[in-house]
Amino acid sequence: MISVLSKPADQIDAADIQELIDSQVPEGDQIEFKEALSTKHGSPDRWETSAGKIGDRARNEILEEAVAFANAYGGALVLGIAESKTKPAVADRKTPVPRCIDLAERLKLVFRDSVDPQIPSLEILAVPIDGDRGFVIIRVGKSRMAPHRVEPTGRCTVRRSDRCEPMSMREIQDLTLNTRRAMDALEHRLSQRSKGYLREFGRLSTPDEAFGVRATVLPVGNEIMFERVFGISDLYRPPFQISWLNNTSTIAGKHPSSWRPILRGARSDSGLHEEWTVQAEDWSRYYYEEVHSDGLVEVVELSCSDTLNTWRVITVAASVLIWADAIRKAAATPSCEYALDVEIFANGRQLSLAGGSSHRNFHGVFQGERFGRLQKGLTSFPRYSLSESGDIPKVAALFEQDLWDAIGKDVKRISCRLERHDDVIGLAFEYEDQS
């Protein structure tokens, strides 16, 4: 697998660029090389001769190449590599572009303002090698919102083999219908997961007095397909931690021995800690996780109670985001977009959300104090989209804010950030003191 297509964006470096040349990687349906910013008469683009904007010709060509990938199977455009004159053309030599970091930032604005609709899975990164000179990689995933159109030219383009070509009206219509069918299939799959989650309440000793939370993530656009997931430890949930102010909750990843195979997937019916392990004589609490061959990940927690700790809800949602990111990296599809679906179900009475041991002095309230209530029945949160790894804190923070809003609690967060400590991935939340 070509590293510029498969590696996480924050890990790509000059060695990956050199690999393209050493391996004489050919242009194809998922990769395109450009020696420099294009101009009409072959003279240098104004980006190279001044600190001005990118020339219109270069801008439009870059937009159309990237949109072509989004409208097809995804791919990457690498600026700063000259191709050979052979057939097929292969990566031949490095031709670094000036001010590559500034160029990458400028292109992010260009794509934001010039593609309709915006490409949901888009990564633009700079790889400097000589001062401010280097390479720019524009990487896109297969889009769930295709077809996309380049506003300045009015064209919808598509990747065919090693070429970027305009789409015909029939192709645009067919792609629109196919995209609609894919979204309908996504909705159907998540609806089935919701129904299955509600059936799990029948396992509890007093299901009429219980609550549950479900968080499911499912790939959108790009296909993830493992032949088998049972027995592959890299696909089980990685260790992560959630930090609240000065309190930290570390959740260990599951050992493969706690999993069992299911149809096209694997499942663990244990809890977060040893005392949460389901006992035959005690079905007051139940917790399970699933990972499927198509990249679906689900975490569900059920309990015979009318009180739910808010940190547990947020932890469940955050865990599937971090897990999904690990899955797509293992599948060598780091640009794959994921959809996050979260539901809370309160059966029999209102559900109180309260602080727990990790919420001491949290938001100016003390452990055990009730934050608010959710009405009886099913609370479905808006659908969330996870594109690149850097979006994990944004998505987690958005869900958390929705949760506080749903229970009528005004919480002012200072920040939510992604942290890495050795092999542990963490999310750190900070808040204003509201005491």
Protein backbone atom coordinates (compact mmCIF):
# COMPACT_ATOMS: atom_id res chain seq x y z
CA MET A 1 0.00 0.00 0.00
CA ILE A 2 1.31 3.46 -0.94
CA SER A 3 2.13 5.23 2.33
CA VAL A 4 0.82 8.67 1.28
CA LEU A 5 -2.55 6.99 0.79
CA SER A 6 -2.57 4.79 3.85
CA LYS A 7 -0.59 6.51 6.63
CA PRO A 8 -2.19 8.92 9.10
CA ALA A 9 -1.60 12.48 7.90
CA ASP A 10 0.43 13.47 10.96
CA GLN A 11 2.91 10.64 10.28
CA ILE A 12 3.73 11.37 6.63
CA ASP A 13 7.24 12.74 6.11
CA ALA A 14 9.98 13.20 3.50
CA ALA A 15 10.76 9.45 3.50
CA ASP A 16 7.27 8.72 2.21
CA ILE A 17 7.82 11.18 -0.66
CA GLN A 18 11.14 9.53 -1.49
CA GLU A 19 9.44 6.13 -1.44
CA LEU A 20 7.18 7.24 -4.30
CA ILE A 21 10.22 7.98 -6.46
CA ASP A 22 12.32 4.99 -5.41
CA SER A 23 9.40 2.65 -6.10
CA GLN A 24 8.52 4.47 -9.33
CA VAL A 25 4.88 4.54 -8.30
CA PRO A 26 2.70 5.01 -11.39
CA GLU A 27 -0.18 7.44 -11.60
CA GLY A 28 -3.45 5.61 -11.32
CA ASP A 29 -7.03 5.77 -10.17
CA GLN A 30 -5.98 6.90 -6.66
CA ILE A 31 -2.82 8.98 -7.09
CA GLU A 32 -1.74 11.95 -9.23
CA PHE A 33 1.58 13.82 -9.34
CA LYS A 34 2.12 17.46 -10.26
CA GLU A 35 5.54 18.97 -10.85
CA ALA A 36 4.42 22.55 -10.19
CA LEU A 37 1.42 24.85 -10.16
CA SER A 38 0.08 24.96 -13.71
CA THR A 39 0.05 28.06 -15.90
CA LYS A 40 -1.22 28.71 -19.40
CA HIS A 41 2.11 29.31 -21.13
CA GLY A 42 4.42 27.31 -18.86
CA SER A 43 5.74 30.34 -16.99
CA PRO A 44 5.94 30.14 -13.17
CA ASP A 45 2.68 30.59 -11.29
CA ARG A 46 2.37 33.85 -9.36
CA TRP A 47 2.57 31.84 -6.12
CA GLU A 48 6.19 31.09 -7.03
CA THR A 49 7.12 34.62 -8.14
CA SER A 50 5.39 36.58 -5.39
CA ALA A 51 3.56 36.20 -2.11
CA GLY A 52 0.23 36.60 -3.88
CA LYS A 53 -2.63 34.22 -4.48
CA ILE A 54 -2.55 31.00 -6.42
CA GLY A 55 -3.19 31.55 -10.13
CA ASP A 56 -6.65 30.72 -11.45
CA ARG A 57 -5.43 27.97 -13.78
CA ALA A 58 -3.46 26.20 -11.04
CA ARG A 59 -6.32 26.62 -8.56
CA ASN A 60 -8.93 25.18 -10.92
CA GLU A 61 -6.74 22.24 -11.94
CA ILE A 62 -6.05 21.30 -8.32
CA LEU A 63 -9.75 21.57 -7.46
CA GLU A 64 -10.83 19.43 -10.40
CA GLU A 65 -8.23 16.72 -9.66
CA ALA A 66 -9.30 16.46 -6.01
CA VAL A 67 -13.01 16.54 -6.84
CA ALA A 68 -12.43 13.75 -9.38
CA PHE A 69 -11.08 11.55 -6.58
CA ALA A 70 -14.00 12.42 -4.27
CA ASN A 71 -16.49 11.56 -7.02
CA ALA A 72 -14.78 8.20 -7.62
CA TYR A 73 -12.86 6.09 -5.09
CA GLY A 74 -10.82 8.67 -3.20
CA GLY A 75 -7.13 9.31 -3.66
CA ALA A 76 -4.26 11.77 -3.29
CA LEU A 77 -2.76 14.58 -5.36
CA VAL A 78 0.93 15.24 -4.62
CA LEU A 79 2.34 18.64 -5.56
CA GLY A 80 6.11 18.78 -6.02
CA ILE A 81 6.83 15.52 -7.87
CA ALA A 82 7.61 15.39 -11.57
CA GLU A 83 6.40 12.38 -13.53
CA SER A 84 8.34 10.47 -16.17
CA LYS A 85 7.69 10.63 -19.91
CA THR A 86 7.07 6.89 -20.02
CA LYS A 87 3.74 5.16 -20.43
CA PRO A 88 2.42 4.80 -17.82
CA ALA A 89 3.92 7.85 -16.15
CA VAL A 90 5.64 7.18 -12.82
CA ALA A 91 7.00 9.36 -10.01
CA ASP A 92 10.38 10.46 -11.39
CA ARG A 93 11.98 13.26 -9.33
CA LYS A 94 11.34 15.81 -6.60
CA THR A 95 10.50 19.39 -7.57
CA PRO A 96 9.67 21.07 -4.21
CA VAL A 97 7.22 23.97 -4.29
CA PRO A 98 7.95 27.22 -2.39
CA ARG A 99 6.25 28.11 0.90
CA CYS A 100 4.59 24.70 1.05
CA ILE A 101 3.12 25.24 4.53
CA ASP A 102 1.51 28.53 3.49
CA LEU A 103 0.32 26.91 0.27
CA ALA A 104 -1.38 24.07 2.17
CA GLU A 105 -3.18 26.57 4.41
CA ARG A 106 -4.25 28.66 1.42
CA LEU A 107 -5.60 25.58 -0.36
CA LYS A 108 -7.77 24.72 2.64
CA LEU A 109 -9.53 28.06 2.18
CA VAL A 110 -9.74 27.55 -1.58
CA PHE A 111 -11.46 24.18 -1.15
CA ARG A 112 -13.80 25.59 1.48
CA ASP A 113 -14.97 28.36 -0.83
CA SER A 114 -14.81 26.68 -4.25
CA VAL A 115 -16.33 23.17 -4.02
CA ASP A 116 -20.06 22.52 -3.80
CA PRO A 117 -20.93 20.69 -1.64
CA GLN A 118 -17.80 20.76 0.50
CA ILE A 119 -15.83 17.51 0.51
CA PRO A 120 -16.44 15.91 3.94
CA SER A 121 -13.21 13.88 4.03
CA LEU A 122 -10.40 16.22 2.94
CA GLU A 123 -6.84 16.40 4.26
CA ILE A 124 -4.29 18.96 3.01
CA LEU A 125 -0.83 18.71 4.50
CA ALA A 126 2.62 20.13 3.85
CA VAL A 127 5.87 18.13 3.92
CA PRO A 128 8.77 20.63 4.03
CA ILE A 129 12.29 19.39 3.17
CA ASP A 130 14.35 22.47 2.35
CA GLY A 131 13.50 25.50 4.44
CA ASP A 132 10.02 26.52 3.37
CA ARG A 133 10.17 24.44 0.17
CA GLY A 134 8.56 21.04 0.05
CA PHE A 135 5.48 19.14 -1.00
CA VAL A 136 1.74 19.47 -0.56
CA ILE A 137 -0.47 16.38 -0.34
CA ILE A 138 -4.20 16.73 -0.95
CA ARG A 139 -5.94 13.56 0.15
CA VAL A 140 -9.66 12.88 -0.16
CA GLY A 141 -11.87 9.93 0.59
CA LYS A 142 -14.70 8.58 -1.50
CA SER A 143 -17.46 11.04 -0.71
CA ARG A 144 -20.91 10.31 0.69
CA MET A 145 -22.02 13.67 -0.74
CA ALA A 146 -20.97 13.11 -4.33
CA PRO A 147 -21.27 14.45 -6.95
CA HIS A 148 -19.17 17.51 -6.14
CA ARG A 149 -18.76 20.48 -8.43
CA VAL A 150 -15.91 22.96 -8.86
CA GLU A 151 -17.57 26.37 -8.58
CA PRO A 152 -15.11 28.45 -10.69
CA THR A 153 -15.41 26.10 -13.68
CA GLY A 154 -18.88 24.70 -13.08
CA ARG A 155 -17.60 21.17 -13.78
CA CYS A 156 -18.12 17.87 -12.00
CA THR A 157 -15.06 15.73 -12.62
CA VAL A 158 -14.33 12.05 -12.02
CA ARG A 159 -11.18 9.93 -11.91
CA ARG A 160 -10.88 7.38 -14.70
CA SER A 161 -7.69 5.34 -14.49
CA ASP A 162 -4.92 7.99 -14.46
CA ARG A 163 -7.06 10.81 -15.87
CA CYS A 164 -9.33 13.50 -14.50
CA GLU A 165 -12.31 13.91 -16.85
CA PRO A 166 -15.61 15.83 -16.81
CA MET A 167 -18.71 13.83 -15.98
CA SER A 168 -21.61 13.56 -18.37
CA MET A 169 -25.11 14.54 -17.25
CA ARG A 170 -26.08 10.85 -17.15
CA GLU A 171 -23.09 10.06 -14.94
CA ILE A 172 -24.02 12.90 -12.59
CA GLN A 173 -27.58 11.58 -12.34
CA ASP A 174 -26.42 8.00 -11.76
CA LEU A 175 -23.92 9.07 -9.08
CA THR A 176 -26.61 11.12 -7.33
CA LEU A 177 -28.91 8.09 -7.23
CA ASN A 178 -26.13 5.78 -6.05
CA THR A 179 -25.20 8.22 -3.30
CA ARG A 180 -28.83 8.34 -2.20
CA ARG A 181 -29.00 4.54 -2.09
CA ALA A 182 -25.81 4.40 -0.02
CA MET A 183 -27.23 6.88 2.49
CA ASP A 184 -30.48 4.90 2.65
CA ALA A 185 -28.43 1.76 3.35
CA LEU A 186 -26.59 3.60 6.11
CA GLU A 187 -29.85 4.70 7.70
CA HIS A 188 -31.23 1.16 7.48
CA ARG A 189 -28.12 -0.32 9.08
CA LEU A 190 -28.21 2.13 11.98
CA SER A 191 -31.95 1.59 12.40
CA GLN A 192 -31.30 -2.15 12.74
CA ARG A 193 -28.64 -1.47 15.35
CA SER A 194 -31.13 0.64 17.30
CA LYS A 195 -33.73 -2.12 17.26
CA GLY A 196 -31.17 -4.68 18.38
CA TYR A 197 -30.04 -2.40 21.20
CA LEU A 198 -33.61 -2.05 22.52
CA ARG A 199 -34.03 -5.84 22.46
CA GLU A 200 -30.98 -6.17 24.75
CA PHE A 201 -33.03 -4.71 27.62
CA GLY A 202 -34.73 -8.11 27.86
CA ARG A 203 -31.51 -9.47 29.37
CA LEU A 204 -31.85 -7.32 32.49
CA SER A 205 -33.43 -8.55 35.71
CA THR A 206 -35.81 -5.54 35.85
CA PRO A 207 -35.98 -4.21 32.29
CA ASP A 208 -38.96 -1.97 33.10
CA GLU A 209 -36.74 0.09 35.42
CA ALA A 210 -33.60 0.52 33.36
CA PHE A 211 -31.61 2.89 31.20
CA GLY A 212 -29.22 2.31 28.35
CA VAL A 213 -26.79 4.19 26.12
CA ARG A 214 -25.70 3.06 22.65
CA ALA A 215 -22.91 4.56 20.55
CA THR A 216 -22.37 3.15 17.06
CA VAL A 217 -19.93 4.25 14.36
CA LEU A 218 -20.17 3.11 10.75
CA PRO A 219 -17.99 3.93 7.71
CA VAL A 220 -19.51 6.26 5.15
CA GLY A 221 -18.32 6.39 1.55
CA ASN A 222 -15.07 4.42 1.64
CA GLU A 223 -15.57 0.70 2.15
CA ILE A 224 -13.74 -1.05 4.97
CA MET A 225 -13.74 -4.81 4.67
CA PHE A 226 -11.77 -7.29 6.73
CA GLU A 227 -12.08 -10.95 5.88
CA ARG A 228 -12.32 -11.66 9.60
CA VAL A 229 -11.98 -9.57 12.75
CA PHE A 230 -12.05 -12.22 15.47
CA GLY A 231 -8.57 -12.98 16.71
CA ILE A 232 -6.97 -9.80 15.29
CA SER A 233 -6.02 -7.93 18.45
CA ASP A 234 -5.26 -4.67 16.61
CA LEU A 235 -8.96 -4.33 15.81
CA TYR A 236 -10.16 -4.46 19.42
CA ARG A 237 -10.67 -1.24 21.30
CA PRO A 238 -7.37 0.54 22.00
CA PRO A 239 -6.68 1.84 25.52
CA PHE A 240 -7.81 5.42 26.04
CA GLN A 241 -8.44 7.85 28.83
CA ILE A 242 -10.85 10.67 29.56
CA SER A 243 -9.57 13.55 31.69
CA TRP A 244 -11.89 15.94 33.51
CA LEU A 245 -10.00 18.85 35.01
CA ASN A 246 -7.59 17.09 37.42
CA ASN A 247 -9.43 13.77 37.38
CA THR A 248 -8.51 11.04 34.92
CA SER A 249 -10.31 7.83 34.06
CA THR A 250 -8.16 5.32 32.17
CA ILE A 251 -9.95 2.57 30.29
CA ALA A 252 -7.84 -0.41 29.31
CA GLY A 253 -8.26 -2.00 25.91
CA LYS A 254 -9.86 -5.43 25.85
CA HIS A 255 -7.74 -8.56 25.85
CA PRO A 256 -8.62 -10.84 22.91
CA SER A 257 -9.61 -13.63 25.31
CA SER A 258 -12.70 -11.65 26.35
CA TRP A 259 -14.07 -11.72 22.81
CA ARG A 260 -16.04 -14.33 20.89
CA PRO A 261 -16.82 -14.60 17.18
CA ILE A 262 -20.19 -13.53 15.77
CA LEU A 263 -21.36 -13.43 12.17
CA ARG A 264 -18.86 -11.20 10.32
CA GLY A 265 -17.61 -9.75 13.57
CA ALA A 266 -16.56 -10.21 17.20
CA ARG A 267 -18.24 -9.38 20.49
CA SER A 268 -17.24 -8.89 24.11
CA ASP A 269 -19.91 -9.16 26.82
CA SER A 270 -17.78 -7.95 29.70
CA GLY A 271 -17.63 -4.49 31.29
CA LEU A 272 -14.99 -1.85 31.77
CA HIS A 273 -13.71 -3.30 35.03
CA GLU A 274 -13.58 -6.76 36.57
CA GLU A 275 -16.55 -6.04 38.83
CA TRP A 276 -18.60 -5.22 35.73
CA THR A 277 -18.25 -8.71 34.31
CA VAL A 278 -21.71 -10.13 33.76
CA GLN A 279 -22.59 -12.80 36.32
CA ALA A 280 -25.33 -15.32 35.70
CA GLU A 281 -27.07 -14.41 38.96
CA ASP A 282 -26.83 -10.64 38.51
CA TRP A 283 -28.29 -9.01 35.41
CA SER A 284 -28.72 -5.55 36.91
CA ARG A 285 -25.96 -4.23 34.65
CA TYR A 286 -24.87 -5.30 31.20
CA TYR A 287 -22.18 -3.98 28.87
CA TYR A 288 -21.09 -5.15 25.46
CA GLU A 289 -18.88 -4.13 22.54
CA GLU A 290 -18.92 -5.27 18.92
CA VAL A 291 -16.61 -4.80 15.95
CA HIS A 292 -17.63 -5.95 12.46
CA SER A 293 -15.78 -6.84 9.27
CA ASP A 294 -17.17 -3.77 7.50
CA GLY A 295 -15.73 -1.42 10.14
CA LEU A 296 -18.84 -0.98 12.29
CA VAL A 297 -18.10 -0.49 15.98
CA GLU A 298 -20.68 -0.41 18.76
CA VAL A 299 -20.59 0.04 22.53
CA VAL A 300 -23.73 -0.42 24.66
CA GLU A 301 -24.22 -0.04 28.40
CA LEU A 302 -27.44 -1.07 30.19
CA SER A 303 -28.30 -0.74 33.87
CA CYS A 304 -31.30 -1.28 36.15
CA SER A 305 -31.25 2.24 37.56
CA ASP A 306 -32.81 5.64 37.10
CA THR A 307 -29.52 7.52 37.47
CA LEU A 308 -26.75 7.68 34.91
CA ASN A 309 -23.35 9.32 35.37
CA THR A 310 -22.74 11.86 32.64
CA TRP A 311 -19.08 10.93 32.35
CA ARG A 312 -20.09 7.37 31.41
CA VAL A 313 -22.24 8.60 28.51
CA ILE A 314 -19.46 10.83 27.20
CA THR A 315 -16.89 8.07 27.68
CA VAL A 316 -18.97 5.59 25.66
CA ALA A 317 -19.28 8.05 22.76
CA ALA A 318 -15.61 9.07 22.92
CA SER A 319 -14.45 5.47 23.00
CA VAL A 320 -16.10 4.55 19.70
CA LEU A 321 -14.61 7.64 18.03
CA ILE A 322 -11.08 6.66 19.09
CA TRP A 323 -11.78 3.05 18.20
CA ALA A 324 -13.09 3.95 14.73
CA ASP A 325 -9.94 5.94 14.05
CA ALA A 326 -7.82 2.91 14.96
CA ILE A 327 -9.95 0.66 12.72
CA ARG A 328 -9.57 2.83 9.62
CA LYS A 329 -5.82 3.11 10.16
CA ALA A 330 -5.61 -0.69 10.43
CA ALA A 331 -7.57 -0.91 7.18
CA ALA A 332 -5.12 1.55 5.50
CA THR A 333 -8.01 3.93 4.79
CA PRO A 334 -7.24 6.89 7.11
CA SER A 335 -9.44 9.23 5.05
CA CYS A 336 -12.55 7.08 5.50
CA GLU A 337 -15.39 9.11 6.98
CA TYR A 338 -17.35 7.65 9.89
CA ALA A 339 -20.88 8.41 11.09
CA LEU A 340 -21.53 8.42 14.86
CA ASP A 341 -24.99 7.51 16.11
CA VAL A 342 -25.86 7.87 19.84
CA GLU A 343 -29.08 6.97 21.66
CA ILE A 344 -30.09 7.01 25.33
CA PHE A 345 -33.15 5.02 26.41
CA ALA A 346 -34.96 5.48 29.74
CA ASN A 347 -37.51 2.78 30.44
CA GLY A 348 -40.21 3.29 33.05
CA ARG A 349 -39.32 6.74 34.44
CA GLN A 350 -37.34 9.90 33.91
CA LEU A 351 -33.60 9.37 33.78
CA SER A 352 -31.46 11.52 36.06
CA LEU A 353 -27.96 12.45 34.93
CA ALA A 354 -25.62 12.99 37.83
CA GLY A 355 -21.97 13.40 38.74
CA GLY A 356 -19.77 10.43 39.58
CA SER A 357 -16.42 9.86 41.22
CA SER A 358 -14.67 11.60 38.33
CA HIS A 359 -16.90 14.65 38.64
CA ARG A 360 -15.81 15.89 42.05
CA ASN A 361 -15.94 19.70 41.91
CA PHE A 362 -16.88 19.27 38.26
CA HIS A 363 -18.71 22.32 36.88
CA GLY A 364 -18.89 23.74 40.38
CA VAL A 365 -21.13 20.89 41.59
CA PHE A 366 -20.21 17.97 43.82
CA GLN A 367 -20.20 14.25 43.44
CA GLY A 368 -23.68 12.76 43.44
CA GLU A 369 -25.53 15.98 42.63
CA ARG A 370 -28.11 15.59 39.88
CA PHE A 371 -27.38 17.65 36.78
CA GLY A 372 -30.71 17.20 35.02
CA ARG A 373 -33.22 14.73 33.60
CA LEU A 374 -34.11 13.07 30.33
CA GLN A 375 -37.72 12.17 29.67
CA LYS A 376 -38.87 8.56 29.55
CA GLY A 377 -38.31 6.89 26.19
CA LEU A 378 -35.69 7.14 23.48
CA THR A 379 -33.48 10.22 23.07
CA SER A 380 -31.75 10.17 19.68
CA PHE A 381 -28.91 12.63 19.19
CA PRO A 382 -28.09 14.26 15.84
CA ARG A 383 -25.85 12.27 13.51
CA TYR A 384 -22.16 13.19 13.84
CA SER A 385 -19.46 12.95 11.19
CA LEU A 386 -15.84 11.99 11.89
CA SER A 387 -13.46 12.80 9.04
CA GLU A 388 -9.80 13.12 10.02
CA SER A 389 -8.20 12.10 13.33
CA GLY A 390 -7.89 15.72 14.39
CA ASP A 391 -11.69 16.00 14.40
CA ILE A 392 -12.11 13.58 17.32
CA PRO A 393 -12.05 16.35 19.99
CA LYS A 394 -14.46 18.49 17.94
CA VAL A 395 -16.96 15.66 17.55
CA ALA A 396 -16.65 14.57 21.19
CA ALA A 397 -17.11 18.16 22.36
CA LEU A 398 -20.13 18.66 20.09
CA PHE A 399 -21.80 15.52 21.43
CA GLU A 400 -21.01 16.51 25.00
CA GLN A 401 -22.57 19.95 24.46
CA ASP A 402 -25.67 18.32 22.96
CA LEU A 403 -25.92 16.09 26.03
CA TRP A 404 -25.79 19.06 28.43
CA ASP A 405 -28.34 20.93 26.31
CA ALA A 406 -30.65 17.90 26.31
CA ILE A 407 -30.81 17.93 30.12
CA GLY A 408 -31.05 21.70 30.41
CA LYS A 409 -27.59 22.26 31.85
CA ASP A 410 -25.57 25.33 30.79
CA VAL A 411 -21.94 24.24 30.75
CA LYS A 412 -19.11 26.43 29.50
CA ARG A 413 -16.20 24.38 28.23
CA ILE A 414 -12.77 25.94 27.81
CA SER A 415 -11.31 23.23 25.59
CA CYS A 416 -11.35 19.60 24.51
CA ARG A 417 -8.11 18.21 23.10
CA LEU A 418 -6.64 14.92 21.93
CA GLU A 419 -3.59 13.67 23.79
CA ARG A 420 -1.28 10.70 23.35
CA HIS A 421 0.70 9.14 26.20
CA ASP A 422 2.80 6.19 25.03
CA ASP A 423 0.18 3.72 23.73
CA VAL A 424 -2.76 5.43 25.44
CA ILE A 425 -4.92 7.89 23.54
CA GLY A 426 -6.77 10.45 25.61
CA LEU A 427 -9.32 13.22 25.49
CA ALA A 428 -8.88 16.06 27.97
CA PHE A 429 -11.85 18.31 28.84
CA GLU A 430 -11.47 21.65 30.61
CA TYR A 431 -14.30 23.85 31.87
CA GLU A 432 -14.95 27.18 33.46
CA ASP A 433 -15.47 27.07 37.21
CA GLN A 434 -19.20 27.55 37.71
CA SER A 435 -19.28 27.31 41.49
